[in-house]
Amino acid sequence: MQKDAPLELAKYKDDKNVGYGLGSSRDESMARRMANLNASADLMKKLGKTQLTAGIEIVDEKLYQNPDGTYEAEAVVKINKQW
């Protein structure tokens, strides 16, 4: 998706039940990984935890390609209730 609009998932930044993360890289896979890692860290910070024994699942993610060719990814994660 070509990026020409505001970030779609940024509305989740202040949601205490999920973590939101953003990643940017020339490599699509790395941008996604960075977004997921940052979202997991955000969720742990919101929960006041330094480690989790439960799993974290991706709720939503978006990938954008900037005009300069770099990728920007957003991710939203939550604790997996199956654990």
N, C-alpha and C. Protein backbone atom coordinates (compact mmCIF):
# COMPACT_ATOMS: atom_id res chain seq x y z
N MET A 1 0.85 -1.17 0.00
CA MET A 1 0.00 0.00 0.00
C MET A 1 0.90 1.23 0.00
N GLN A 2 0.65 2.13 -0.92
CA GLN A 2 1.42 3.37 -0.98
C GLN A 2 0.97 4.28 0.16
N LYS A 3 1.91 4.84 0.86
CA LYS A 3 1.56 5.69 2.00
C LYS A 3 1.24 7.10 1.54
N ASP A 4 0.00 7.50 1.72
CA ASP A 4 -0.40 8.86 1.37
C ASP A 4 -1.44 9.37 2.35
N ALA A 5 -1.61 8.65 3.45
CA ALA A 5 -2.61 9.01 4.45
C ALA A 5 -2.01 8.82 5.84
N PRO A 6 -2.69 9.32 6.86
CA PRO A 6 -2.20 9.09 8.23
C PRO A 6 -2.15 7.59 8.55
N LEU A 7 -1.38 7.24 9.54
CA LEU A 7 -1.28 5.84 9.96
C LEU A 7 -2.65 5.35 10.44
N GLU A 8 -3.10 4.23 9.89
CA GLU A 8 -4.43 3.71 10.19
C GLU A 8 -4.58 3.19 11.61
N LEU A 9 -3.53 2.59 12.14
CA LEU A 9 -3.64 1.92 13.44
C LEU A 9 -3.21 2.80 14.61
N ALA A 10 -2.78 4.02 14.35
CA ALA A 10 -2.32 4.91 15.42
C ALA A 10 -3.40 5.17 16.46
N LYS A 11 -4.65 4.94 16.11
CA LYS A 11 -5.75 5.14 17.07
C LYS A 11 -5.62 4.21 18.28
N TYR A 12 -4.80 3.16 18.17
CA TYR A 12 -4.63 2.21 19.27
C TYR A 12 -3.51 2.61 20.23
N LYS A 13 -2.80 3.70 19.96
CA LYS A 13 -1.66 4.10 20.80
C LYS A 13 -2.02 4.20 22.27
N ASP A 14 -3.18 4.74 22.59
CA ASP A 14 -3.56 4.97 23.98
C ASP A 14 -4.47 3.89 24.56
N ASP A 15 -4.75 2.85 23.80
CA ASP A 15 -5.59 1.75 24.27
C ASP A 15 -4.77 0.90 25.24
N LYS A 16 -5.23 0.79 26.48
CA LYS A 16 -4.48 0.08 27.53
C LYS A 16 -4.50 -1.44 27.34
N ASN A 17 -5.40 -1.96 26.49
CA ASN A 17 -5.54 -3.40 26.32
C ASN A 17 -4.67 -3.99 25.21
N VAL A 18 -4.07 -3.14 24.41
CA VAL A 18 -3.24 -3.61 23.30
C VAL A 18 -1.95 -2.81 23.23
N GLY A 19 -0.97 -3.37 22.53
CA GLY A 19 0.28 -2.66 22.30
C GLY A 19 0.33 -2.20 20.85
N TYR A 20 0.89 -1.02 20.64
CA TYR A 20 1.00 -0.45 19.30
C TYR A 20 2.47 -0.22 18.98
N GLY A 21 2.88 -0.58 17.77
CA GLY A 21 4.26 -0.38 17.39
C GLY A 21 4.41 0.05 15.95
N LEU A 22 5.51 0.72 15.69
CA LEU A 22 5.81 1.23 14.37
C LEU A 22 7.23 0.81 14.02
N GLY A 23 7.45 0.41 12.78
CA GLY A 23 8.79 0.04 12.33
C GLY A 23 9.03 0.56 10.94
N SER A 24 10.27 0.89 10.64
CA SER A 24 10.62 1.43 9.33
C SER A 24 11.94 0.83 8.88
N SER A 25 12.00 0.42 7.60
CA SER A 25 13.22 -0.18 7.07
C SER A 25 13.13 -0.23 5.55
N ARG A 26 14.27 -0.40 4.91
CA ARG A 26 14.28 -0.62 3.46
C ARG A 26 13.81 -2.04 3.15
N ASP A 27 13.86 -2.91 4.14
CA ASP A 27 13.45 -4.30 3.99
C ASP A 27 12.05 -4.50 4.58
N GLU A 28 11.13 -5.01 3.78
CA GLU A 28 9.74 -5.18 4.22
C GLU A 28 9.63 -6.06 5.46
N SER A 29 10.33 -7.18 5.47
CA SER A 29 10.28 -8.11 6.59
C SER A 29 10.81 -7.47 7.87
N MET A 30 11.89 -6.71 7.75
CA MET A 30 12.47 -6.05 8.92
C MET A 30 11.53 -4.98 9.47
N ALA A 31 10.86 -4.25 8.60
CA ALA A 31 9.90 -3.23 9.06
C ALA A 31 8.78 -3.89 9.86
N ARG A 32 8.30 -5.03 9.38
CA ARG A 32 7.24 -5.76 10.10
C ARG A 32 7.75 -6.26 11.45
N ARG A 33 8.95 -6.82 11.45
CA ARG A 33 9.52 -7.34 12.70
C ARG A 33 9.71 -6.24 13.74
N MET A 34 10.21 -5.10 13.28
CA MET A 34 10.42 -3.96 14.19
C MET A 34 9.09 -3.47 14.75
N ALA A 35 8.06 -3.41 13.92
CA ALA A 35 6.74 -2.97 14.39
C ALA A 35 6.20 -3.94 15.43
N ASN A 36 6.34 -5.25 15.19
CA ASN A 36 5.84 -6.24 16.15
C ASN A 36 6.61 -6.19 17.46
N LEU A 37 7.92 -6.02 17.38
CA LEU A 37 8.74 -5.92 18.59
C LEU A 37 8.37 -4.67 19.38
N ASN A 38 8.21 -3.55 18.71
CA ASN A 38 7.84 -2.31 19.38
C ASN A 38 6.43 -2.38 19.97
N ALA A 39 5.53 -3.08 19.29
CA ALA A 39 4.16 -3.25 19.81
C ALA A 39 4.18 -4.12 21.07
N SER A 40 4.98 -5.18 21.06
CA SER A 40 5.09 -6.04 22.24
C SER A 40 5.68 -5.28 23.41
N ALA A 41 6.70 -4.48 23.16
CA ALA A 41 7.31 -3.67 24.22
C ALA A 41 6.31 -2.65 24.77
N ASP A 42 5.51 -2.05 23.88
CA ASP A 42 4.50 -1.09 24.31
C ASP A 42 3.46 -1.76 25.21
N LEU A 43 3.03 -2.97 24.83
CA LEU A 43 2.04 -3.69 25.64
C LEU A 43 2.60 -4.01 27.02
N MET A 44 3.83 -4.48 27.08
CA MET A 44 4.44 -4.81 28.37
C MET A 44 4.57 -3.57 29.24
N LYS A 45 4.93 -2.45 28.63
CA LYS A 45 5.03 -1.20 29.37
C LYS A 45 3.67 -0.79 29.94
N LYS A 46 2.63 -0.91 29.12
CA LYS A 46 1.27 -0.55 29.57
C LYS A 46 0.82 -1.45 30.72
N LEU A 47 1.26 -2.71 30.69
CA LEU A 47 0.89 -3.66 31.73
C LEU A 47 1.80 -3.57 32.95
N GLY A 48 2.88 -2.82 32.83
CA GLY A 48 3.82 -2.69 33.94
C GLY A 48 4.63 -3.95 34.17
N LYS A 49 4.90 -4.70 33.12
CA LYS A 49 5.62 -5.97 33.23
C LYS A 49 6.98 -5.87 32.55
N THR A 50 7.92 -6.68 33.03
CA THR A 50 9.21 -6.77 32.37
C THR A 50 9.33 -8.07 31.59
N GLN A 51 8.44 -9.02 31.89
CA GLN A 51 8.37 -10.26 31.12
C GLN A 51 6.98 -10.84 31.24
N LEU A 52 6.61 -11.63 30.24
CA LEU A 52 5.28 -12.25 30.21
C LEU A 52 5.43 -13.76 30.10
N THR A 53 4.53 -14.49 30.75
CA THR A 53 4.51 -15.94 30.60
C THR A 53 3.43 -16.33 29.59
N ALA A 54 2.60 -15.40 29.21
CA ALA A 54 1.55 -15.65 28.21
C ALA A 54 2.09 -15.31 26.83
N GLY A 55 1.38 -15.78 25.81
CA GLY A 55 1.76 -15.46 24.44
C GLY A 55 1.16 -14.13 24.01
N ILE A 56 1.78 -13.56 23.02
CA ILE A 56 1.29 -12.31 22.44
C ILE A 56 0.89 -12.60 21.00
N GLU A 57 -0.28 -12.14 20.61
CA GLU A 57 -0.72 -12.36 19.23
C GLU A 57 -0.93 -11.03 18.52
N ILE A 58 -0.71 -11.07 17.22
CA ILE A 58 -0.90 -9.89 16.39
C ILE A 58 -2.40 -9.75 16.10
N VAL A 59 -2.95 -8.58 16.42
CA VAL A 59 -4.36 -8.30 16.18
C VAL A 59 -4.55 -7.71 14.78
N ASP A 60 -3.65 -6.82 14.41
CA ASP A 60 -3.74 -6.15 13.12
C ASP A 60 -2.37 -5.62 12.75
N GLU A 61 -2.12 -5.53 11.46
CA GLU A 61 -0.90 -4.90 10.99
C GLU A 61 -1.12 -4.31 9.61
N LYS A 62 -0.40 -3.25 9.35
CA LYS A 62 -0.48 -2.54 8.07
C LYS A 62 0.93 -2.29 7.58
N LEU A 63 1.10 -2.36 6.28
CA LEU A 63 2.40 -2.10 5.68
C LEU A 63 2.23 -1.01 4.62
N TYR A 64 3.13 -0.05 4.63
CA TYR A 64 3.10 1.04 3.66
C TYR A 64 4.46 1.12 2.98
N GLN A 65 4.47 1.59 1.75
CA GLN A 65 5.73 1.86 1.08
C GLN A 65 5.80 3.35 0.81
N ASN A 66 6.85 3.97 1.32
CA ASN A 66 7.04 5.40 1.13
C ASN A 66 7.58 5.68 -0.27
N PRO A 67 7.43 6.90 -0.74
CA PRO A 67 7.94 7.25 -2.08
C PRO A 67 9.43 6.99 -2.27
N ASP A 68 10.21 7.03 -1.18
CA ASP A 68 11.66 6.78 -1.31
C ASP A 68 11.99 5.29 -1.32
N GLY A 69 10.97 4.43 -1.27
CA GLY A 69 11.18 2.99 -1.34
C GLY A 69 11.25 2.29 0.01
N THR A 70 11.34 3.05 1.10
CA THR A 70 11.38 2.42 2.42
C THR A 70 9.98 1.93 2.80
N TYR A 71 9.97 0.96 3.67
CA TYR A 71 8.70 0.41 4.16
C TYR A 71 8.45 0.91 5.57
N GLU A 72 7.20 1.13 5.87
CA GLU A 72 6.78 1.52 7.21
C GLU A 72 5.66 0.56 7.60
N ALA A 73 5.80 -0.04 8.77
CA ALA A 73 4.81 -1.01 9.23
C ALA A 73 4.25 -0.59 10.57
N GLU A 74 2.97 -0.90 10.76
CA GLU A 74 2.30 -0.69 12.05
C GLU A 74 1.84 -2.06 12.53
N ALA A 75 1.83 -2.26 13.83
CA ALA A 75 1.34 -3.51 14.40
C ALA A 75 0.58 -3.22 15.68
N VAL A 76 -0.45 -4.02 15.91
CA VAL A 76 -1.22 -3.99 17.15
C VAL A 76 -1.22 -5.41 17.69
N VAL A 77 -0.83 -5.58 18.96
CA VAL A 77 -0.78 -6.90 19.58
C VAL A 77 -1.57 -6.91 20.88
N LYS A 78 -1.95 -8.12 21.30
CA LYS A 78 -2.62 -8.29 22.59
C LYS A 78 -2.17 -9.61 23.18
N ILE A 79 -2.49 -9.82 24.45
CA ILE A 79 -2.16 -11.09 25.11
C ILE A 79 -3.12 -12.15 24.58
N ASN A 80 -2.55 -13.29 24.21
CA ASN A 80 -3.33 -14.42 23.72
C ASN A 80 -3.99 -15.09 24.90
N LYS A 81 -5.30 -15.13 24.91
CA LYS A 81 -6.06 -15.71 26.04
C LYS A 81 -5.98 -17.24 26.08
N GLN A 82 -5.45 -17.85 25.03
CA GLN A 82 -5.33 -19.31 24.98
C GLN A 82 -4.28 -19.83 25.95
N TRP A 83 -3.34 -18.99 26.35
CA TRP A 83 -2.24 -19.43 27.21
C TRP A 83 -2.69 -19.68 28.59
